[in-house]
Amino acid sequence: MKILFINGPNLQLLGQREPDVYGALTLQGLEKNLGKIAASLGVEALFFQSNSEGEIVDRIGKTLK
């Protein structure tokens, strides 16, 4: 089984932009943690981040094929 985690606009700034408000965990760190959890459950984790809504919709369409 595969799970696609989709992260939208500005989430590439996690851990960098206002860490006192949003925390210090980066998107890469979050993906690493989720990947470990997924692996422990026998699931493949796929990650996608885009600031473009169109790219996100395209990726969902591509994944559903």
N, C-alpha and C. Protein backbone atom coordinates (compact mmCIF):
# COMPACT_ATOMS: atom_id res chain seq x y z
N MET A 1 0.84 -1.17 0.00
CA MET A 1 0.00 0.00 0.00
C MET A 1 0.89 1.24 0.00
N LYS A 2 0.42 2.25 -0.70
CA LYS A 2 1.13 3.53 -0.75
C LYS A 2 0.20 4.64 -0.25
N ILE A 3 0.80 5.59 0.43
CA ILE A 3 0.07 6.78 0.88
C ILE A 3 0.81 8.00 0.36
N LEU A 4 0.07 8.87 -0.30
CA LEU A 4 0.64 10.12 -0.81
C LEU A 4 0.29 11.25 0.15
N PHE A 5 1.30 11.86 0.72
CA PHE A 5 1.13 13.02 1.58
C PHE A 5 1.35 14.27 0.73
N ILE A 6 0.33 15.10 0.66
CA ILE A 6 0.40 16.32 -0.16
C ILE A 6 0.47 17.52 0.77
N ASN A 7 1.48 18.33 0.54
CA ASN A 7 1.66 19.56 1.32
C ASN A 7 1.54 20.74 0.38
N GLY A 8 0.74 21.70 0.78
CA GLY A 8 0.43 22.83 -0.08
C GLY A 8 1.32 24.04 0.13
N PRO A 9 0.82 25.18 -0.29
CA PRO A 9 1.59 26.42 -0.32
C PRO A 9 2.26 26.77 1.01
N ASN A 10 3.50 27.14 0.88
CA ASN A 10 4.34 27.66 1.96
C ASN A 10 4.78 26.63 2.99
N LEU A 11 4.37 25.38 2.85
CA LEU A 11 4.78 24.39 3.84
C LEU A 11 6.27 24.05 3.73
N GLN A 12 6.89 24.40 2.62
CA GLN A 12 8.34 24.22 2.52
C GLN A 12 9.07 25.14 3.50
N LEU A 13 8.35 26.07 4.09
CA LEU A 13 8.94 27.01 5.05
C LEU A 13 8.79 26.56 6.50
N LEU A 14 8.19 25.38 6.72
CA LEU A 14 8.07 24.88 8.09
C LEU A 14 9.43 24.85 8.76
N GLY A 15 9.47 25.28 9.99
CA GLY A 15 10.72 25.28 10.74
C GLY A 15 11.59 26.48 10.46
N GLN A 16 11.28 27.24 9.43
CA GLN A 16 12.08 28.41 9.06
C GLN A 16 11.32 29.71 9.32
N ARG A 17 10.07 29.71 8.98
CA ARG A 17 9.25 30.91 9.09
C ARG A 17 8.52 30.91 10.43
N GLU A 18 8.81 31.87 11.25
CA GLU A 18 8.19 32.02 12.56
C GLU A 18 8.18 30.72 13.37
N PRO A 19 9.36 30.16 13.65
CA PRO A 19 9.40 28.91 14.40
C PRO A 19 8.80 29.03 15.80
N ASP A 20 8.76 30.24 16.35
CA ASP A 20 8.15 30.43 17.66
C ASP A 20 6.63 30.25 17.59
N VAL A 21 6.06 30.42 16.41
CA VAL A 21 4.62 30.23 16.21
C VAL A 21 4.32 28.82 15.68
N TYR A 22 5.08 28.40 14.66
CA TYR A 22 4.78 27.16 13.95
C TYR A 22 5.66 25.98 14.37
N GLY A 23 6.66 26.22 15.20
CA GLY A 23 7.56 25.15 15.63
C GLY A 23 8.80 25.07 14.77
N ALA A 24 9.75 24.25 15.19
CA ALA A 24 11.04 24.16 14.52
C ALA A 24 11.14 22.97 13.57
N LEU A 25 10.14 22.10 13.55
CA LEU A 25 10.17 20.93 12.68
C LEU A 25 10.04 21.37 11.22
N THR A 26 10.99 20.95 10.39
CA THR A 26 10.96 21.28 8.97
C THR A 26 10.08 20.30 8.21
N LEU A 27 9.74 20.65 6.99
CA LEU A 27 8.98 19.73 6.15
C LEU A 27 9.77 18.45 5.93
N GLN A 28 11.07 18.57 5.73
CA GLN A 28 11.90 17.38 5.53
C GLN A 28 11.89 16.50 6.78
N GLY A 29 11.94 17.13 7.95
CA GLY A 29 11.88 16.36 9.20
C GLY A 29 10.54 15.68 9.37
N LEU A 30 9.48 16.37 9.04
CA LEU A 30 8.14 15.79 9.11
C LEU A 30 8.02 14.60 8.17
N GLU A 31 8.52 14.76 6.95
CA GLU A 31 8.48 13.65 5.99
C GLU A 31 9.29 12.46 6.47
N LYS A 32 10.44 12.74 7.08
CA LYS A 32 11.28 11.66 7.60
C LYS A 32 10.53 10.89 8.69
N ASN A 33 9.90 11.63 9.61
CA ASN A 33 9.15 10.99 10.69
C ASN A 33 7.98 10.17 10.15
N LEU A 34 7.24 10.73 9.23
CA LEU A 34 6.11 10.02 8.63
C LEU A 34 6.58 8.79 7.86
N GLY A 35 7.71 8.92 7.18
CA GLY A 35 8.27 7.79 6.44
C GLY A 35 8.62 6.63 7.35
N LYS A 36 9.18 6.94 8.52
CA LYS A 36 9.52 5.89 9.49
C LYS A 36 8.27 5.21 10.02
N ILE A 37 7.25 6.00 10.33
CA ILE A 37 6.00 5.42 10.82
C ILE A 37 5.37 4.54 9.75
N ALA A 38 5.33 5.04 8.54
CA ALA A 38 4.75 4.28 7.43
C ALA A 38 5.50 2.96 7.24
N ALA A 39 6.83 3.02 7.25
CA ALA A 39 7.63 1.81 7.06
C ALA A 39 7.35 0.79 8.16
N SER A 40 7.18 1.27 9.38
CA SER A 40 6.91 0.35 10.49
C SER A 40 5.55 -0.33 10.33
N LEU A 41 4.67 0.28 9.54
CA LEU A 41 3.35 -0.29 9.28
C LEU A 41 3.29 -1.04 7.95
N GLY A 42 4.44 -1.12 7.26
CA GLY A 42 4.48 -1.82 5.99
C GLY A 42 3.87 -1.02 4.85
N VAL A 43 3.87 0.29 4.98
CA VAL A 43 3.27 1.18 3.99
C VAL A 43 4.37 2.03 3.36
N GLU A 44 4.25 2.27 2.06
CA GLU A 44 5.19 3.16 1.38
C GLU A 44 4.63 4.59 1.42
N ALA A 45 5.43 5.50 1.95
CA ALA A 45 5.01 6.90 2.03
C ALA A 45 5.62 7.68 0.86
N LEU A 46 4.77 8.40 0.15
CA LEU A 46 5.19 9.27 -0.94
C LEU A 46 4.87 10.70 -0.53
N PHE A 47 5.73 11.64 -0.91
CA PHE A 47 5.55 13.02 -0.48
C PHE A 47 5.58 13.95 -1.68
N PHE A 48 4.74 14.97 -1.62
CA PHE A 48 4.68 15.98 -2.68
C PHE A 48 4.33 17.32 -2.05
N GLN A 49 5.08 18.34 -2.40
CA GLN A 49 4.80 19.69 -1.94
C GLN A 49 4.83 20.61 -3.14
N SER A 50 3.86 21.51 -3.19
CA SER A 50 3.84 22.50 -4.25
C SER A 50 3.15 23.76 -3.75
N ASN A 51 3.58 24.88 -4.27
CA ASN A 51 2.92 26.15 -3.99
C ASN A 51 1.83 26.43 -5.03
N SER A 52 1.71 25.55 -6.01
CA SER A 52 0.74 25.72 -7.09
C SER A 52 -0.42 24.75 -6.94
N GLU A 53 -1.62 25.28 -6.81
CA GLU A 53 -2.80 24.44 -6.68
C GLU A 53 -2.97 23.53 -7.90
N GLY A 54 -2.65 24.05 -9.09
CA GLY A 54 -2.76 23.25 -10.30
C GLY A 54 -1.84 22.04 -10.27
N GLU A 55 -0.62 22.21 -9.78
CA GLU A 55 0.32 21.09 -9.69
C GLU A 55 -0.19 20.04 -8.70
N ILE A 56 -0.80 20.49 -7.63
CA ILE A 56 -1.35 19.56 -6.64
C ILE A 56 -2.47 18.74 -7.26
N VAL A 57 -3.37 19.40 -7.97
CA VAL A 57 -4.48 18.70 -8.62
C VAL A 57 -3.95 17.72 -9.66
N ASP A 58 -2.94 18.14 -10.43
CA ASP A 58 -2.34 17.25 -11.42
C ASP A 58 -1.73 16.02 -10.76
N ARG A 59 -1.07 16.20 -9.63
CA ARG A 59 -0.44 15.07 -8.93
C ARG A 59 -1.49 14.10 -8.41
N ILE A 60 -2.59 14.62 -7.90
CA ILE A 60 -3.66 13.75 -7.42
C ILE A 60 -4.21 12.93 -8.60
N GLY A 61 -4.44 13.59 -9.72
CA GLY A 61 -4.94 12.89 -10.90
C GLY A 61 -3.98 11.81 -11.37
N LYS A 62 -2.70 12.13 -11.37
CA LYS A 62 -1.67 11.16 -11.79
C LYS A 62 -1.64 9.97 -10.83
N THR A 63 -1.80 10.22 -9.56
CA THR A 63 -1.74 9.16 -8.55
C THR A 63 -2.96 8.24 -8.66
N LEU A 64 -4.10 8.79 -9.01
CA LEU A 64 -5.32 7.99 -9.08
C LEU A 64 -5.41 7.11 -10.32
N LYS A 65 -4.54 7.34 -11.29
CA LYS A 65 -4.58 6.54 -12.52
C LYS A 65 -4.13 5.13 -12.26
